[in-house]
PDB file of N, CA and C in Angstrom:
ATOM      1  N   MET A   1       5.171   7.156  11.670  1.00  0.00           N
ATOM      2  CA  MET A   1       5.479   5.705  10.502  1.00  0.00           C
ATOM      3  C   MET A   1       6.903   5.139  11.213  1.00  0.00           C
ATOM      4  N   THR A   2       7.226   4.547  10.119  1.00  0.00           N
ATOM      5  CA  THR A   2       7.675   3.362  10.899  1.00  0.00           C
ATOM      6  C   THR A   2       8.803   3.065  10.575  1.00  0.00           C
ATOM      7  N   VAL A   3      10.191   2.248  11.039  1.00  0.00           N
ATOM      8  CA  VAL A   3      11.960   2.398  11.309  1.00  0.00           C
ATOM      9  C   VAL A   3      11.647   2.600   9.731  1.00  0.00           C
ATOM     10  N   ALA A   4      11.668   1.362   8.393  1.00  0.00           N
ATOM     11  CA  ALA A   4      11.889   1.662   7.875  1.00  0.00           C
ATOM     12  C   ALA A   4      10.884   2.709   6.461  1.00  0.00           C
ATOM     13  N   GLY A   5       9.822   3.771   6.747  1.00  0.00           N
ATOM     14  CA  GLY A   5       8.908   4.333   6.694  1.00  0.00           C
ATOM     15  C   GLY A   5       8.239   4.330   5.778  1.00  0.00           C
ATOM     16  N   LEU A   6       7.529   2.857   6.079  1.00  0.00           N
ATOM     17  CA  LEU A   6       6.827   2.559   5.390  1.00  0.00           C
ATOM     18  C   LEU A   6       5.635   2.436   5.158  1.00  0.00           C
ATOM     19  N   THR A   7       4.777   2.644   4.153  1.00  0.00           N
ATOM     20  CA  THR A   7       2.837   2.462   4.826  1.00  0.00           C
ATOM     21  C   THR A   7       2.528   2.297   3.359  1.00  0.00           C
ATOM     22  N   LEU A   8       1.948   0.816   3.721  1.00  0.00           N
ATOM     23  CA  LEU A   8       1.112   0.533   2.903  1.00  0.00           C
ATOM     24  C   LEU A   8       0.044   1.380   3.109  1.00  0.00           C
ATOM     25  N   ILE A   9      -1.119   1.222   1.689  1.00  0.00           N
ATOM     26  CA  ILE A   9      -2.308   2.085   1.688  1.00  0.00           C
ATOM     27  C   ILE A   9      -3.202   0.682   1.274  1.00  0.00           C
ATOM     28  N   SER A  10      -4.367   0.535   1.418  1.00  0.00           N
ATOM     29  CA  SER A  10      -4.766  -0.898   1.144  1.00  0.00           C
ATOM     30  C   SER A  10      -6.129  -0.982   1.233  1.00  0.00           C
ATOM     31  N   HIS A  11      -6.904  -1.521   0.866  1.00  0.00           N
ATOM     32  CA  HIS A  11      -8.952  -2.162   1.365  1.00  0.00           C
ATOM     33  C   HIS A  11      -8.659  -3.590   1.422  1.00  0.00           C
ATOM     34  N   HIS A  12      -9.036  -4.061   2.520  1.00  0.00           N
ATOM     35  CA  HIS A  12      -9.606  -4.929   3.136  1.00  0.00           C
ATOM     36  C   HIS A  12     -10.369  -6.800   2.297  1.00  0.00           C
ATOM     37  N   LEU A  13     -10.602  -5.986   0.692  1.00  0.00           N
ATOM     38  CA  LEU A  13     -11.190  -7.217   0.715  1.00  0.00           C
ATOM     39  C   LEU A  13     -10.166  -7.466  -0.976  1.00  0.00           C
ATOM     40  N   CYS A  14      -9.026  -6.433  -0.962  1.00  0.00           N
ATOM     41  CA  CYS A  14      -8.025  -6.825  -1.996  1.00  0.00           C
ATOM     42  C   CYS A  14      -7.482  -8.590  -2.007  1.00  0.00           C
ATOM     43  N   PRO A  15      -6.941  -8.572  -2.775  1.00  0.00           N
ATOM     44  CA  PRO A  15      -6.250 -10.209  -2.529  1.00  0.00           C
ATOM     45  C   PRO A  15      -5.125  -9.947  -3.540  1.00  0.00           C
ATOM     46  N   TYR A  16      -4.874  -8.501  -4.396  1.00  0.00           N
ATOM     47  CA  TYR A  16      -3.709  -7.756  -4.119  1.00  0.00           C
ATOM     48  C   TYR A  16      -2.517  -6.866  -3.488  1.00  0.00           C
ATOM     49  N   VAL A  17      -3.699  -6.322  -2.034  1.00  0.00           N
ATOM     50  CA  VAL A  17      -2.532  -6.003  -0.429  1.00  0.00           C
ATOM     51  C   VAL A  17      -2.831  -7.433   0.277  1.00  0.00           C
ATOM     52  N   GLN A  18      -3.207  -8.899   0.038  1.00  0.00           N
ATOM     53  CA  GLN A  18      -3.000  -9.621   0.860  1.00  0.00           C
ATOM     54  C   GLN A  18      -1.424 -10.116   0.501  1.00  0.00           C
ATOM     55  N   ARG A  19      -1.238  -9.837  -1.001  1.00  0.00           N
ATOM     56  CA  ARG A  19       0.036 -11.394  -0.847  1.00  0.00           C
ATOM     57  C   ARG A  19       1.127  -9.605  -0.627  1.00  0.00           C
ATOM     58  N   ALA A  20       1.114  -8.579  -0.741  1.00  0.00           N
ATOM     59  CA  ALA A  20       1.589  -7.529  -0.547  1.00  0.00           C
ATOM     60  C   ALA A  20       2.189  -7.865   1.124  1.00  0.00           C
ATOM     61  N   VAL A  21       1.003  -7.637   1.816  1.00  0.00           N
ATOM     62  CA  VAL A  21       1.097  -7.702   3.327  1.00  0.00           C
ATOM     63  C   VAL A  21       1.637  -9.405   3.317  1.00  0.00           C
ATOM     64  N   ILE A  22       1.662 -10.267   3.112  1.00  0.00           N
ATOM     65  CA  ILE A  22       2.416 -11.662   2.991  1.00  0.00           C
ATOM     66  C   ILE A  22       4.298 -11.420   3.465  1.00  0.00           C
ATOM     67  N   ALA A  23       4.130 -10.698   1.490  1.00  0.00           N
ATOM     68  CA  ALA A  23       5.106 -10.785   1.274  1.00  0.00           C
ATOM     69  C   ALA A  23       5.804  -9.875   2.729  1.00  0.00           C
ATOM     70  N   LEU A  24       5.708  -8.948   3.105  1.00  0.00           N
ATOM     71  CA  LEU A  24       6.259  -7.701   3.810  1.00  0.00           C
ATOM     72  C   LEU A  24       6.408  -8.707   4.959  1.00  0.00           C
ATOM     73  N   GLU A  25       5.900  -9.481   5.365  1.00  0.00           N
ATOM     74  CA  GLU A  25       5.680  -9.749   6.357  1.00  0.00           C
ATOM     75  C   GLU A  25       6.716 -11.147   6.464  1.00  0.00           C
ATOM     76  N   GLU A  26       6.080 -11.807   5.844  1.00  0.00           N
ATOM     77  CA  GLU A  26       7.293 -13.128   5.776  1.00  0.00           C
ATOM     78  C   GLU A  26       8.902 -12.508   5.329  1.00  0.00           C
ATOM     79  N   LYS A  27       9.443 -11.494   5.418  1.00  0.00           N
ATOM     80  CA  LYS A  27      10.839 -10.494   5.027  1.00  0.00           C
ATOM     81  C   LYS A  27      10.884  -9.934   6.321  1.00  0.00           C
ATOM     82  N   GLN A  28       9.840 -10.292   7.152  1.00  0.00           N
ATOM     83  CA  GLN A  28      10.108  -8.731   8.671  1.00  0.00           C
ATOM     84  C   GLN A  28      10.483  -7.946   8.061  1.00  0.00           C
ATOM     85  N   VAL A  29       9.605  -6.763   7.387  1.00  0.00           N
ATOM     86  CA  VAL A  29       9.624  -5.233   7.106  1.00  0.00           C
ATOM     87  C   VAL A  29       8.670  -5.147   8.055  1.00  0.00           C
ATOM     88  N   PRO A  30       9.240  -4.407   8.679  1.00  0.00           N
ATOM     89  CA  PRO A  30       8.158  -3.252   9.216  1.00  0.00           C
ATOM     90  C   PRO A  30       7.924  -2.281   8.079  1.00  0.00           C
ATOM     91  N   PHE A  31       6.117  -1.495   8.437  1.00  0.00           N
ATOM     92  CA  PHE A  31       5.271  -1.311   7.968  1.00  0.00           C
ATOM     93  C   PHE A  31       3.925  -1.006   8.730  1.00  0.00           C
ATOM     94  N   GLU A  32       3.816   0.363   8.330  1.00  0.00           N
ATOM     95  CA  GLU A  32       2.288   1.310   8.546  1.00  0.00           C
ATOM     96  C   GLU A  32       1.496   0.505   7.332  1.00  0.00           C
ATOM     97  N   ARG A  33      -0.170   0.235   7.750  1.00  0.00           N
ATOM     98  CA  ARG A  33      -0.795  -0.498   7.109  1.00  0.00           C
ATOM     99  C   ARG A  33      -2.253   0.547   7.417  1.00  0.00           C
ATOM    100  N   ILE A  34      -2.789   1.941   6.173  1.00  0.00           N
ATOM    101  CA  ILE A  34      -3.421   2.287   5.977  1.00  0.00           C
ATOM    102  C   ILE A  34      -4.784   1.865   5.214  1.00  0.00           C
ATOM    103  N   GLU A  35      -5.882   1.319   5.598  1.00  0.00           N
ATOM    104  CA  GLU A  35      -7.048   1.265   5.231  1.00  0.00           C
ATOM    105  C   GLU A  35      -7.664   1.958   4.158  1.00  0.00           C
ATOM    106  N   VAL A  36      -8.408   1.627   2.944  1.00  0.00           N
ATOM    107  CA  VAL A  36      -9.269   2.780   2.278  1.00  0.00           C
ATOM    108  C   VAL A  36     -10.485   2.796   2.002  1.00  0.00           C
ATOM    109  N   ASP A  37     -11.748   2.991   1.992  1.00  0.00           N
ATOM    110  CA  ASP A  37     -12.746   3.020   1.003  1.00  0.00           C
ATOM    111  C   ASP A  37     -12.923   2.940  -0.342  1.00  0.00           C
ATOM    112  N   LEU A  38     -12.283   2.309  -0.825  1.00  0.00           N
ATOM    113  CA  LEU A  38     -12.388   2.290  -2.604  1.00  0.00           C
ATOM    114  C   LEU A  38     -13.701   2.683  -3.198  1.00  0.00           C
ATOM    115  N   ALA A  39     -14.693   2.858  -2.023  1.00  0.00           N
ATOM    116  CA  ALA A  39     -15.858   3.577  -2.814  1.00  0.00           C
ATOM    117  C   ALA A  39     -16.265   4.875  -2.297  1.00  0.00           C
ATOM    118  N   ALA A  40     -15.154   5.455  -1.750  1.00  0.00           N
ATOM    119  CA  ALA A  40     -15.091   6.818  -1.955  1.00  0.00           C
ATOM    120  C   ALA A  40     -13.539   7.495  -1.730  1.00  0.00           C
ATOM    121  N   LYS A  41     -13.425   7.387  -2.382  1.00  0.00           N
ATOM    122  CA  LYS A  41     -11.636   7.771  -2.179  1.00  0.00           C
ATOM    123  C   LYS A  41     -11.375   9.537  -1.830  1.00  0.00           C
ATOM    124  N   PRO A  42     -10.384   9.212  -0.382  1.00  0.00           N
ATOM    125  CA  PRO A  42     -10.408  10.495  -0.364  1.00  0.00           C
ATOM    126  C   PRO A  42      -9.260  10.947  -1.628  1.00  0.00           C
ATOM    127  N   ASP A  43      -9.082  12.505  -1.136  1.00  0.00           N
ATOM    128  CA  ASP A  43      -8.273  13.162  -2.183  1.00  0.00           C
ATOM    129  C   ASP A  43      -6.777  12.891  -2.172  1.00  0.00           C
ATOM    130  N   TRP A  44      -6.805  12.801  -0.654  1.00  0.00           N
ATOM    131  CA  TRP A  44      -5.404  12.438  -0.786  1.00  0.00           C
ATOM    132  C   TRP A  44      -4.789  10.617  -1.870  1.00  0.00           C
ATOM    133  N   PHE A  45      -5.573  10.164  -1.082  1.00  0.00           N
ATOM    134  CA  PHE A  45      -5.547   8.572  -2.118  1.00  0.00           C
ATOM    135  C   PHE A  45      -5.332   8.992  -3.772  1.00  0.00           C
ATOM    136  N   LYS A  46      -6.142   9.126  -3.969  1.00  0.00           N
ATOM    137  CA  LYS A  46      -6.329  10.176  -5.488  1.00  0.00           C
ATOM    138  C   LYS A  46      -4.758  10.482  -6.262  1.00  0.00           C
ATOM    139  N   ALA A  47      -4.350  10.959  -5.148  1.00  0.00           N
ATOM    140  CA  ALA A  47      -2.988  12.033  -5.457  1.00  0.00           C
ATOM    141  C   ALA A  47      -1.912  10.750  -5.649  1.00  0.00           C
ATOM    142  N   VAL A  48      -1.691   9.816  -4.319  1.00  0.00           N
ATOM    143  CA  VAL A  48      -0.952   8.798  -4.870  1.00  0.00           C
ATOM    144  C   VAL A  48      -1.026   7.789  -5.255  1.00  0.00           C
ATOM    145  N   SER A  49      -2.188   7.198  -5.487  1.00  0.00           N
ATOM    146  CA  SER A  49      -2.415   6.230  -6.484  1.00  0.00           C
ATOM    147  C   SER A  49      -3.230   6.830  -8.484  1.00  0.00           C
ATOM    148  N   PRO A  50      -2.215   7.062  -8.881  1.00  0.00           N
ATOM    149  CA  PRO A  50      -3.088   6.876 -10.118  1.00  0.00           C
ATOM    150  C   PRO A  50      -3.665   6.206 -11.176  1.00  0.00           C
ATOM    151  N   LEU A  51      -3.666   5.132 -10.864  1.00  0.00           N
ATOM    152  CA  LEU A  51      -5.167   4.040 -10.960  1.00  0.00           C
ATOM    153  C   LEU A  51      -6.020   3.812 -10.348  1.00  0.00           C
ATOM    154  N   GLY A  52      -6.048   4.648  -8.580  1.00  0.00           N
ATOM    155  CA  GLY A  52      -7.064   5.020  -7.393  1.00  0.00           C
ATOM    156  C   GLY A  52      -7.390   3.257  -7.333  1.00  0.00           C
ATOM    157  N   LYS A  53      -6.717   2.706  -7.355  1.00  0.00           N
ATOM    158  CA  LYS A  53      -6.082   0.879  -6.604  1.00  0.00           C
ATOM    159  C   LYS A  53      -5.012   1.058  -5.620  1.00  0.00           C
ATOM    160  N   THR A  54      -5.244   0.224  -5.280  1.00  0.00           N
ATOM    161  CA  THR A  54      -4.940  -0.516  -3.945  1.00  0.00           C
ATOM    162  C   THR A  54      -3.794  -1.605  -4.169  1.00  0.00           C
ATOM    163  N   PRO A  55      -2.449  -2.463  -3.471  1.00  0.00           N
ATOM    164  CA  PRO A  55      -2.204  -1.729  -3.125  1.00  0.00           C
ATOM    165  C   PRO A  55      -1.241  -0.219  -3.319  1.00  0.00           C
ATOM    166  N   VAL A  56      -0.998   0.101  -2.814  1.00  0.00           N
ATOM    167  CA  VAL A  56       0.316   1.169  -2.946  1.00  0.00           C
ATOM    168  C   VAL A  56       0.874   1.202  -1.674  1.00  0.00           C
ATOM    169  N   LEU A  57       2.108   1.561  -1.968  1.00  0.00           N
ATOM    170  CA  LEU A  57       3.621   1.176  -0.802  1.00  0.00           C
ATOM    171  C   LEU A  57       3.720   3.170  -0.914  1.00  0.00           C
ATOM    172  N   ARG A  58       4.072   3.599   0.276  1.00  0.00           N
ATOM    173  CA  ARG A  58       4.824   4.297   0.263  1.00  0.00           C
ATOM    174  C   ARG A  58       5.578   4.591   0.518  1.00  0.00           C
ATOM    175  N   VAL A  59       6.866   5.097   0.361  1.00  0.00           N
ATOM    176  CA  VAL A  59       8.560   5.289   0.347  1.00  0.00           C
ATOM    177  C   VAL A  59       8.769   6.492   0.712  1.00  0.00           C
ATOM    178  N   GLY A  60       8.556   6.759   2.611  1.00  0.00           N
ATOM    179  CA  GLY A  60       8.961   8.341   2.123  1.00  0.00           C
ATOM    180  C   GLY A  60       8.040   9.054   1.477  1.00  0.00           C
ATOM    181  N   ALA A  61       8.821  10.097   0.239  1.00  0.00           N
ATOM    182  CA  ALA A  61       7.164  10.412  -0.352  1.00  0.00           C
ATOM    183  C   ALA A  61       7.689   9.998  -1.492  1.00  0.00           C
ATOM    184  N   ALA A  62       7.797   8.324  -2.064  1.00  0.00           N
ATOM    185  CA  ALA A  62       7.521   8.237  -3.412  1.00  0.00           C
ATOM    186  C   ALA A  62       6.486   6.979  -2.694  1.00  0.00           C
ATOM    187  N   ALA A  63       5.178   7.253  -4.116  1.00  0.00           N
ATOM    188  CA  ALA A  63       4.636   5.710  -3.977  1.00  0.00           C
ATOM    189  C   ALA A  63       5.252   5.143  -4.968  1.00  0.00           C
ATOM    190  N   ILE A  64       4.845   3.569  -4.910  1.00  0.00           N
ATOM    191  CA  ILE A  64       4.771   3.121  -5.798  1.00  0.00           C
ATOM    192  C   ILE A  64       3.891   1.840  -5.905  1.00  0.00           C
ATOM    193  N   PHE A  65       3.263   1.839  -7.003  1.00  0.00           N
ATOM    194  CA  PHE A  65       1.538   1.056  -7.242  1.00  0.00           C
ATOM    195  C   PHE A  65       2.079  -0.487  -7.865  1.00  0.00           C
ATOM    196  N   GLU A  66       0.750  -0.961  -8.125  1.00  0.00           N
ATOM    197  CA  GLU A  66       0.905  -2.136  -8.951  1.00  0.00           C
ATOM    198  C   GLU A  66       1.598  -3.414  -7.309  1.00  0.00           C
ATOM    199  N   SER A  67       0.693  -3.894  -7.585  1.00  0.00           N
ATOM    200  CA  SER A  67       0.932  -5.338  -6.736  1.00  0.00           C
ATOM    201  C   SER A  67       2.441  -6.190  -6.955  1.00  0.00           C
ATOM    202  N   ALA A  68       2.921  -6.385  -8.169  1.00  0.00           N
ATOM    203  CA  ALA A  68       4.150  -7.082  -8.526  1.00  0.00           C
ATOM    204  C   ALA A  68       5.531  -6.281  -8.723  1.00  0.00           C
ATOM    205  N   VAL A  69       4.833  -5.185  -8.859  1.00  0.00           N
ATOM    206  CA  VAL A  69       6.420  -3.938  -8.452  1.00  0.00           C
ATOM    207  C   VAL A  69       7.117  -3.832  -7.189  1.00  0.00           C
ATOM    208  N   ILE A  70       5.592  -4.137  -6.338  1.00  0.00           N
ATOM    209  CA  ILE A  70       6.010  -3.902  -5.116  1.00  0.00           C
ATOM    210  C   ILE A  70       6.688  -5.569  -3.769  1.00  0.00           C
ATOM    211  N   LEU A  71       6.140  -5.931  -5.015  1.00  0.00           N
ATOM    212  CA  LEU A  71       6.728  -7.539  -5.154  1.00  0.00           C
ATOM    213  C   LEU A  71       8.376  -7.734  -4.994  1.00  0.00           C
ATOM    214  N   GLU A  72       8.687  -7.009  -6.037  1.00  0.00           N
ATOM    215  CA  GLU A  72       9.943  -6.773  -6.328  1.00  0.00           C
ATOM    216  C   GLU A  72      10.616  -6.207  -5.348  1.00  0.00           C
TER     217      GLU A  72
END
């Protein structure tokens, strides 16, 4: 886990993930990035992403989904 405790759960082809990554990097926010296969979603991902989509930003035990909310 990073100093800030942020983990971005992503898929390499998702443009919404890319804009979240750009925003985090521009603000120099440390984060860990975990890639998931959306064609074979792991159970832990289904538990943190109610819509089954990326990106999801885990902040400690909480999960923030929807890229617009992550950017705010």
